[in-house]
C-alpha atoms as a PDB file:
ATOM      1  CA  UNK A   1     179.169 181.399  18.575  1.00  0.00           C
ATOM      2  CA  UNK A   2     180.916 179.060  21.313  1.00  0.00           C
ATOM      3  CA  UNK A   3     178.013 178.334  22.838  1.00  0.00           C
ATOM      4  CA  UNK A   4     176.663 176.624  19.178  1.00  0.00           C
ATOM      5  CA  UNK A   5     180.078 175.096  18.732  1.00  0.00           C
ATOM      6  CA  UNK A   6     180.733 173.197  21.676  1.00  0.00           C
ATOM      7  CA  UNK A   7     178.280 171.163  21.778  1.00  0.00           C
ATOM      8  CA  UNK A   8     178.959 170.664  18.081  1.00  0.00           C
ATOM      9  CA  UNK A   9     182.293 169.279  18.900  1.00  0.00           C
ATOM     10  CA  UNK A  10     181.092 167.220  21.482  1.00  0.00           C
ATOM     11  CA  UNK A  11     178.504 165.655  19.561  1.00  0.00           C
ATOM     12  CA  UNK A  12     181.358 165.323  16.747  1.00  0.00           C
ATOM     13  CA  UNK A  13     184.200 163.633  18.732  1.00  0.00           C
ATOM     14  CA  UNK A  14     181.239 161.183  20.043  1.00  0.00           C
ATOM     15  CA  UNK A  15     180.761 160.230  16.545  1.00  0.00           C
ATOM     16  CA  UNK A  16     184.214 160.190  15.248  1.00  0.00           C
ATOM     17  CA  UNK A  17     184.965 158.168  17.982  1.00  0.00           C
ATOM     18  CA  UNK A  18     182.038 155.797  17.346  1.00  0.00           C
ATOM     19  CA  UNK A  19     183.395 155.400  14.353  1.00  0.00           C
ATOM     20  CA  UNK A  20     186.827 154.332  15.067  1.00  0.00           C
ATOM     21  CA  UNK A  21     185.456 151.496  17.420  1.00  0.00           C
ATOM     22  CA  UNK A  22     182.626 150.476  14.574  1.00  0.00           C
ATOM     23  CA  UNK A  23     185.790 150.392  12.365  1.00  0.00           C
ATOM     24  CA  UNK A  24     188.155 148.316  14.895  1.00  0.00           C
ATOM     25  CA  UNK A  25     185.282 146.079  15.476  1.00  0.00           C
ATOM     26  CA  UNK A  26     183.753 145.685  11.975  1.00  0.00           C
ATOM     27  CA  UNK A  27     186.826 145.314  10.102  1.00  0.00           C
ATOM     28  CA  UNK A  28     187.665 141.976   9.959  1.00  0.00           C
ATOM     29  CA  UNK A  29     184.463 140.947   9.603  1.00  0.00           C
ATOM     30  CA  UNK A  30     184.325 143.184   6.490  1.00  0.00           C
ATOM     31  CA  UNK A  31     187.627 141.580   4.674  1.00  0.00           C
ATOM     32  CA  UNK A  32     185.935 138.268   5.113  1.00  0.00           C
ATOM     33  CA  UNK A  33     182.566 139.339   3.684  1.00  0.00           C
ATOM     34  CA  UNK A  34     184.340 141.541   1.125  1.00  0.00           C
ATOM     35  CA  UNK A  35     188.224 140.547   0.235  1.00  0.00           C
ATOM     36  CA  UNK A  36     188.339 142.790  -2.500  1.00  0.00           C
ATOM     37  CA  UNK A  37     188.830 145.616   0.612  1.00  0.00           C
ATOM     38  CA  UNK A  38     192.304 144.176   1.431  1.00  0.00           C
ATOM     39  CA  UNK A  39     192.869 145.511  -2.111  1.00  0.00           C
ATOM     40  CA  UNK A  40     192.631 148.853  -0.899  1.00  0.00           C
ATOM     41  CA  UNK A  41     195.606 151.238  -0.130  1.00  0.00           C
ATOM     42  CA  UNK A  42     194.709 152.645   2.695  1.00  0.00           C
ATOM     43  CA  UNK A  43     195.769 150.013   5.374  1.00  0.00           C
ATOM     44  CA  UNK A  44     193.711 149.960   8.955  1.00  0.00           C
ATOM     45  CA  UNK A  45     196.694 151.511  10.596  1.00  0.00           C
ATOM     46  CA  UNK A  46     196.460 154.530   8.678  1.00  0.00           C
ATOM     47  CA  UNK A  47     192.766 154.486   8.652  1.00  0.00           C
ATOM     48  CA  UNK A  48     193.373 154.776  12.749  1.00  0.00           C
ATOM     49  CA  UNK A  49     195.852 157.421  12.930  1.00  0.00           C
ATOM     50  CA  UNK A  50     193.764 159.621  10.542  1.00  0.00           C
ATOM     51  CA  UNK A  51     190.848 159.334  12.835  1.00  0.00           C
ATOM     52  CA  UNK A  52     192.952 160.004  15.602  1.00  0.00           C
ATOM     53  CA  UNK A  53     194.087 163.588  13.808  1.00  0.00           C
ATOM     54  CA  UNK A  54     190.432 164.474  13.694  1.00  0.00           C
ATOM     55  CA  UNK A  55     189.533 163.060  17.010  1.00  0.00           C
ATOM     56  CA  UNK A  56     192.615 165.034  19.186  1.00  0.00           C
ATOM     57  CA  UNK A  57     191.696 168.706  18.087  1.00  0.00           C
ATOM     58  CA  UNK A  58     188.115 168.420  18.274  1.00  0.00           C
ATOM     59  CA  UNK A  59     187.995 167.117  21.662  1.00  0.00           C
ATOM     60  CA  UNK A  60     190.506 169.745  22.879  1.00  0.00           C
ATOM     61  CA  UNK A  61     188.582 172.553  21.580  1.00  0.00           C
ATOM     62  CA  UNK A  62     185.500 170.754  23.076  1.00  0.00           C
ATOM     63  CA  UNK A  63     186.984 170.021  26.582  1.00  0.00           C
ATOM     64  CA  UNK A  64     188.464 173.187  26.636  1.00  0.00           C
ATOM     65  CA  UNK A  65     185.334 175.447  26.684  1.00  0.00           C
ATOM     66  CA  UNK A  66     183.375 173.026  28.298  1.00  0.00           C
ATOM     67  CA  UNK A  67     185.883 172.671  31.403  1.00  0.00           C
ATOM     68  CA  UNK A  68     186.211 176.648  31.310  1.00  0.00           C
ATOM     69  CA  UNK A  69     182.364 176.546  31.741  1.00  0.00           C
ATOM     70  CA  UNK A  70     181.484 174.151  34.341  1.00  0.00           C
ATOM     71  CA  UNK A  71     184.872 173.228  35.833  1.00  0.00           C
ATOM     72  CA  UNK A  72     184.216 169.226  36.508  1.00  0.00           C
ATOM     73  CA  UNK A  73     187.426 167.398  36.798  1.00  0.00           C
ATOM     74  CA  UNK A  74     186.222 164.276  35.875  1.00  0.00           C
ATOM     75  CA  UNK A  75     185.365 165.606  32.094  1.00  0.00           C
ATOM     76  CA  UNK A  76     188.653 166.690  32.190  1.00  0.00           C
ATOM     77  CA  UNK A  77     190.632 163.462  33.197  1.00  0.00           C
ATOM     78  CA  UNK A  78     187.977 161.047  30.814  1.00  0.00           C
ATOM     79  CA  UNK A  79     188.792 163.247  27.821  1.00  0.00           C
ATOM     80  CA  UNK A  80     193.061 163.207  29.002  1.00  0.00           C
ATOM     81  CA  UNK A  81     193.055 159.611  29.773  1.00  0.00           C
ATOM     82  CA  UNK A  82     190.822 158.579  26.448  1.00  0.00           C
ATOM     83  CA  UNK A  83     192.836 160.802  24.268  1.00  0.00           C
ATOM     84  CA  UNK A  84     196.199 159.399  25.411  1.00  0.00           C
ATOM     85  CA  UNK A  85     195.098 155.985  25.364  1.00  0.00           C
ATOM     86  CA  UNK A  86     193.724 156.532  21.853  1.00  0.00           C
ATOM     87  CA  UNK A  87     197.027 158.318  20.535  1.00  0.00           C
ATOM     88  CA  UNK A  88     198.960 155.562  22.250  1.00  0.00           C
ATOM     89  CA  UNK A  89     197.541 152.625  20.706  1.00  0.00           C
ATOM     90  CA  UNK A  90     197.227 154.440  17.324  1.00  0.00           C
ATOM     91  CA  UNK A  91     201.189 155.031  17.058  1.00  0.00           C
ATOM     92  CA  UNK A  92     202.264 152.264  19.742  1.00  0.00           C
ATOM     93  CA  UNK A  93     200.445 149.337  20.098  1.00  0.00           C
ATOM     94  CA  UNK A  94     200.727 148.226  16.292  1.00  0.00           C
ATOM     95  CA  UNK A  95     204.182 147.231  16.247  1.00  0.00           C
ATOM     96  CA  UNK A  96     204.144 146.101  20.394  1.00  0.00           C
ATOM     97  CA  UNK A  97     201.266 144.066  21.196  1.00  0.00           C
ATOM     98  CA  UNK A  98     198.768 141.784  19.334  1.00  0.00           C
ATOM     99  CA  UNK A  99     196.073 143.257  16.975  1.00  0.00           C
ATOM    100  CA  UNK A 100     193.219 141.863  19.305  1.00  0.00           C
ATOM    101  CA  UNK A 101     194.868 143.775  22.141  1.00  0.00           C
ATOM    102  CA  UNK A 102     195.219 146.895  20.280  1.00  0.00           C
ATOM    103  CA  UNK A 103     191.120 146.461  19.189  1.00  0.00           C
ATOM    104  CA  UNK A 104     190.406 146.051  22.756  1.00  0.00           C
ATOM    105  CA  UNK A 105     192.178 148.969  23.687  1.00  0.00           C
ATOM    106  CA  UNK A 106     191.112 151.380  21.205  1.00  0.00           C
ATOM    107  CA  UNK A 107     187.186 150.367  22.109  1.00  0.00           C
ATOM    108  CA  UNK A 108     187.945 151.209  26.019  1.00  0.00           C
ATOM    109  CA  UNK A 109     189.636 154.688  24.990  1.00  0.00           C
ATOM    110  CA  UNK A 110     186.376 155.363  22.328  1.00  0.00           C
ATOM    111  CA  UNK A 111     184.203 154.849  25.179  1.00  0.00           C
ATOM    112  CA  UNK A 112     185.950 156.904  27.800  1.00  0.00           C
ATOM    113  CA  UNK A 113     186.314 159.534  25.317  1.00  0.00           C
ATOM    114  CA  UNK A 114     182.854 159.391  24.379  1.00  0.00           C
ATOM    115  CA  UNK A 115     181.584 158.884  28.167  1.00  0.00           C
ATOM    116  CA  UNK A 116     183.589 162.301  28.828  1.00  0.00           C
ATOM    117  CA  UNK A 117     182.461 164.239  26.092  1.00  0.00           C
ATOM    118  CA  UNK A 118     178.769 163.311  26.792  1.00  0.00           C
ATOM    119  CA  UNK A 119     178.826 164.332  30.271  1.00  0.00           C
ATOM    120  CA  UNK A 120     180.525 167.575  29.039  1.00  0.00           C
ATOM    121  CA  UNK A 121     177.567 168.360  26.958  1.00  0.00           C
ATOM    122  CA  UNK A 122     175.298 167.702  29.568  1.00  0.00           C
ATOM    123  CA  UNK A 123     177.316 169.833  32.273  1.00  0.00           C
ATOM    124  CA  UNK A 124     177.585 172.359  29.592  1.00  0.00           C
ATOM    125  CA  UNK A 125     173.611 172.567  28.553  1.00  0.00           C
ATOM    126  CA  UNK A 126     172.907 172.300  32.163  1.00  0.00           C
ATOM    127  CA  UNK A 127     175.174 175.340  32.992  1.00  0.00           C
ATOM    128  CA  UNK A 128     173.391 177.653  30.288  1.00  0.00           C
ATOM    129  CA  UNK A 129     169.770 176.716  31.621  1.00  0.00           C
ATOM    130  CA  UNK A 130     168.175 179.630  33.082  1.00  0.00           C
ATOM    131  CA  UNK A 131     165.756 179.019  35.615  1.00  0.00           C
END
């Protein structure tokens, strides 16, 4: 089960991170194109926090299973840095900085996180390969 679950969690974490990045980039454009979206009760900040609640457990479990197998420090460091940036941006940057800075930091965090998960996936696939 762990062999099938870890790659799935890496892929899901990459996907949810991508949704988060796309949401940050596309939401202002969508508001201009579809002004009725502004009437939705879910704010952009609440949506960002909800995505973080999905990303964190998936990322931690995938990193634990993968790093336990291949012990790659870059994966652990990338997932840790990406999650810390994402969490701190979701909870604190909204009140402290500009909206542009919040979006740029979120995009950077998702790129770091997705890259670390992709490396985790490749290393795990390579370590289970029998030649």
